[in-house]
N, C-alpha and C. Protein backbone atom coordinates (compact mmCIF):
# COMPACT_ATOMS: atom_id res chain seq x y z
N MET A 1 -12.80 6.55 5.41
CA MET A 1 -11.39 5.97 4.79
C MET A 1 -10.48 6.04 5.64
N SER A 2 -9.79 5.04 6.28
CA SER A 2 -8.83 5.10 7.17
C SER A 2 -7.59 4.92 6.36
N ARG A 3 -6.86 5.54 7.18
CA ARG A 3 -5.43 5.89 6.48
C ARG A 3 -4.13 5.43 7.57
N ASP A 4 -3.03 4.68 7.16
CA ASP A 4 -2.15 4.33 8.35
C ASP A 4 -0.51 4.69 7.27
N ARG A 5 -0.04 5.93 7.72
CA ARG A 5 1.53 6.02 6.84
C ARG A 5 2.27 5.75 8.03
N GLN A 6 3.34 5.04 7.28
CA GLN A 6 4.47 4.70 8.18
C GLN A 6 6.02 5.24 7.62
N MET A 7 7.12 5.54 8.28
CA MET A 7 8.47 5.66 7.54
C MET A 7 8.92 4.43 7.51
N ILE A 8 9.46 3.90 6.45
CA ILE A 8 9.90 2.48 6.63
C ILE A 8 11.56 2.40 6.36
N GLY A 9 12.09 3.27 5.85
CA GLY A 9 13.49 3.55 5.50
C GLY A 9 14.16 4.22 4.61
N ASP A 10 14.74 3.66 3.74
CA ASP A 10 15.88 4.20 2.34
C ASP A 10 14.69 4.10 1.21
N CYS A 11 15.00 5.04 0.45
CA CYS A 11 14.52 5.05 -0.96
C CYS A 11 15.51 3.95 -2.03
N PRO A 12 14.60 2.80 -2.54
CA PRO A 12 15.52 2.59 -3.63
C PRO A 12 15.93 2.97 -4.70
N LYS A 13 15.52 4.34 -4.97
CA LYS A 13 15.89 5.03 -6.38
C LYS A 13 16.84 6.01 -5.89
N CYS A 14 16.71 6.79 -4.89
CA CYS A 14 17.85 8.01 -4.54
C CYS A 14 18.45 7.82 -3.17
N GLY A 15 17.98 6.78 -2.39
CA GLY A 15 18.82 6.45 -1.28
C GLY A 15 18.51 7.18 -0.04
N GLY A 16 17.47 8.16 -0.30
CA GLY A 16 17.04 8.97 1.21
C GLY A 16 16.32 8.01 1.90
N ASN A 17 16.56 8.87 3.12
CA ASN A 17 16.00 7.83 4.31
C ASN A 17 14.41 8.03 4.97
N ASP A 18 13.61 8.90 3.83
CA ASP A 18 12.62 9.24 4.33
C ASP A 18 11.10 8.59 3.26
N LEU A 19 11.35 7.31 2.79
CA LEU A 19 10.86 6.43 2.31
C LEU A 19 9.32 6.20 3.37
N ALA A 20 8.19 6.70 2.54
CA ALA A 20 6.87 6.10 3.33
C ALA A 20 6.12 5.09 3.01
N CYS A 21 5.70 4.01 4.02
CA CYS A 21 4.31 3.35 3.22
C CYS A 21 3.10 3.59 3.78
N ALA A 22 2.14 3.70 3.06
CA ALA A 22 1.05 4.23 3.20
C ALA A 22 -0.35 3.11 2.80
N TYR A 23 -1.00 2.92 3.99
CA TYR A 23 -2.16 1.94 3.66
C TYR A 23 -3.51 2.83 3.81
N ASN A 24 -4.25 2.35 2.86
CA ASN A 24 -5.59 3.21 2.82
C ASN A 24 -6.69 2.12 2.70
N HIS A 25 -7.78 2.09 3.57
CA HIS A 25 -8.71 1.05 3.57
C HIS A 25 -10.32 1.86 3.48
N PHE A 26 -10.82 1.37 2.54
CA PHE A 26 -12.30 2.01 2.24
C PHE A 26 -13.58 1.24 1.92
N GLU A 27 -14.22 1.24 2.48
CA GLU A 27 -15.54 0.42 2.58
C GLU A 27 -17.02 1.09 2.07
N SER A 28 -17.51 0.69 1.41
CA SER A 28 -19.03 1.57 0.91
C SER A 28 -20.02 0.12 0.51
N ASN A 29 -21.17 0.03 1.30
CA ASN A 29 -22.02 -0.97 1.17
C ASN A 29 -21.40 -2.42 0.58
N GLU A 30 -21.27 -3.13 -0.79
CA GLU A 30 -20.61 -4.01 -0.75
C GLU A 30 -18.93 -4.09 -1.28
N LEU A 31 -18.67 -2.85 -1.71
CA LEU A 31 -17.15 -2.66 -2.00
C LEU A 31 -16.27 -2.59 -0.80
N THR A 32 -15.21 -3.19 -1.01
CA THR A 32 -13.87 -2.85 -0.51
C THR A 32 -12.67 -2.40 -0.89
N ILE A 33 -11.86 -1.52 -0.79
CA ILE A 33 -10.93 -1.09 -1.26
C ILE A 33 -9.67 -0.94 -0.13
N ASP A 34 -8.60 -2.00 -0.61
CA ASP A 34 -7.44 -1.52 0.39
C ASP A 34 -6.10 -1.29 -0.69
N SER A 35 -5.40 -0.26 -0.45
CA SER A 35 -4.56 0.12 -1.32
C SER A 35 -2.92 0.46 -0.36
N TRP A 36 -1.94 0.00 -1.08
CA TRP A 36 -0.64 0.27 -0.56
C TRP A 36 0.03 1.33 -1.29
N GLU A 37 1.03 2.01 -0.68
CA GLU A 37 1.88 3.12 -1.60
C GLU A 37 3.07 3.20 -0.61
N HIS A 38 4.20 3.04 -1.91
CA HIS A 38 5.27 3.37 -0.80
C HIS A 38 6.00 4.64 -1.97
N LYS A 39 6.58 5.78 -0.95
CA LYS A 39 6.66 7.16 -1.95
C LYS A 39 8.10 7.81 -1.36
N CYS A 40 8.44 8.26 -1.88
CA CYS A 40 9.94 9.31 -1.10
C CYS A 40 9.57 10.45 -1.89
N PRO A 41 9.51 11.39 -0.78
CA PRO A 41 9.06 12.97 -0.91
C PRO A 41 10.51 13.71 -1.68
N ASP A 42 11.82 12.87 -1.46
CA ASP A 42 12.96 13.39 -2.29
C ASP A 42 13.08 13.46 -3.33
N CYS A 43 12.40 12.12 -4.05
CA CYS A 43 12.99 11.81 -5.75
C CYS A 43 11.37 11.95 -6.33
N GLY A 44 10.68 11.48 -5.78
CA GLY A 44 9.17 11.26 -6.19
C GLY A 44 8.97 10.09 -6.71
N PHE A 45 9.91 9.17 -6.35
CA PHE A 45 9.60 7.16 -6.26
C PHE A 45 8.53 7.12 -5.74
N ARG A 46 7.50 6.36 -6.64
CA ARG A 46 6.23 6.00 -6.29
C ARG A 46 5.93 4.73 -6.67
N GLU A 47 5.20 3.41 -5.79
CA GLU A 47 4.53 2.49 -6.43
C GLU A 47 3.65 2.30 -5.55
N THR A 48 2.47 1.83 -6.38
CA THR A 48 0.87 1.81 -6.00
C THR A 48 0.66 0.09 -6.21
N THR A 49 -0.37 -0.43 -5.04
CA THR A 49 -1.43 -1.73 -5.56
C THR A 49 -2.48 -1.41 -4.55
N ALA A 50 -3.52 -1.80 -5.35
CA ALA A 50 -4.72 -1.73 -4.72
C ALA A 50 -5.53 -3.04 -5.10
N PHE A 51 -6.11 -3.32 -3.94
CA PHE A 51 -7.01 -4.41 -4.11
C PHE A 51 -8.79 -4.05 -3.82
N ARG A 52 -9.45 -4.59 -4.69
CA ARG A 52 -10.83 -4.12 -5.01
C ARG A 52 -11.71 -5.91 -4.65
N SER A 53 -12.84 -5.64 -3.88
CA SER A 53 -13.38 -6.86 -3.64
C SER A 53 -14.40 -6.91 -4.79
N ASP A 54 -14.60 -5.98 -5.84
CA ASP A 54 -15.46 -6.15 -7.01
C ASP A 54 -14.48 -6.47 -8.32
N GLU A 55 -13.28 -6.87 -8.25
CA GLU A 55 -12.33 -6.81 -9.05
C GLU A 55 -12.86 -8.39 -9.88
N GLU A 56 -13.08 -8.40 -11.46
CA GLU A 56 -13.34 -9.67 -11.78
C GLU A 56 -12.13 -10.57 -12.04
N ASP A 57 -10.77 -9.95 -11.90
CA ASP A 57 -9.98 -11.25 -11.84
C ASP A 57 -9.84 -11.00 -10.21
N ALA A 58 -9.83 -12.30 -9.57
CA ALA A 58 -9.54 -11.80 -8.43
C ALA A 58 -8.32 -12.39 -7.84
N LYS A 59 -7.86 -11.67 -6.58
CA LYS A 59 -6.33 -11.84 -6.26
C LYS A 59 -6.32 -13.40 -5.57
N PRO A 60 -5.23 -13.94 -6.06
CA PRO A 60 -4.78 -15.24 -5.38
C PRO A 60 -4.95 -15.40 -4.39
N GLU A 61 -5.30 -16.42 -3.76
CA GLU A 61 -5.53 -16.96 -2.32
C GLU A 61 -4.13 -16.62 -1.47
N ASP A 62 -2.83 -16.49 -1.93
CA ASP A 62 -1.76 -16.25 -1.19
C ASP A 62 -1.60 -15.04 -0.79
N VAL A 63 -2.46 -14.23 -1.57
CA VAL A 63 -2.17 -12.74 -1.06
C VAL A 63 -3.02 -12.19 -0.50
N ASP A 64 -2.76 -11.49 0.87
CA ASP A 64 -3.53 -10.67 1.79
C ASP A 64 -3.70 -9.32 1.75
N PRO A 65 -4.81 -8.57 1.51
CA PRO A 65 -4.63 -7.18 0.99
C PRO A 65 -4.22 -6.39 2.27
N HIS A 66 -4.30 -7.21 3.29
CA HIS A 66 -4.17 -6.35 4.67
C HIS A 66 -2.37 -6.27 4.97
N ILE A 67 -1.69 -6.76 4.14
CA ILE A 67 -0.06 -7.10 4.17
C ILE A 67 0.65 -6.39 3.26
N CYS A 68 1.35 -5.08 3.23
CA CYS A 68 2.00 -4.54 1.93
C CYS A 68 2.73 -5.53 1.13
N PRO A 69 2.59 -5.26 -0.17
CA PRO A 69 3.01 -6.05 -1.09
C PRO A 69 4.86 -5.90 -1.43
N TYR A 70 4.94 -4.76 -0.78
CA TYR A 70 6.43 -4.22 -1.30
C TYR A 70 7.23 -4.37 0.14
N CYS A 71 6.88 -4.08 1.47
CA CYS A 71 7.69 -4.30 2.58
C CYS A 71 7.08 -5.29 3.37
N ALA A 72 6.00 -5.81 3.36
CA ALA A 72 5.24 -6.84 3.83
C ALA A 72 5.07 -6.41 5.41
N ARG A 73 4.89 -5.26 5.69
CA ARG A 73 4.18 -4.64 7.16
C ARG A 73 2.72 -5.00 6.75
N SER A 74 2.17 -5.34 7.96
CA SER A 74 0.54 -5.46 8.08
C SER A 74 -0.08 -4.12 8.28
N ARG A 75 -1.06 -4.07 8.52
CA ARG A 75 -1.54 -2.45 8.38
C ARG A 75 -1.87 -2.73 10.04
N SER A 76 -2.31 -1.35 10.25
CA SER A 76 -2.50 -1.14 11.86
C SER A 76 -3.84 -1.06 12.76
């Protein structure tokens, strides 16, 4: 599993400036998972989204699992 974490700015909940955006990528056989998380260490604010290749409800074609759905940064 590869992981990429970057500090991106202010928390929308508490205003602290340590909000982190984390990207995780996992591959095994035919399964691929791309996940994104925004998390604040000060207040515990957290939001996550994951895209799985085996989901029955396919993601819309205009959604790129390599771009954060919260801040639009691309994976490194």
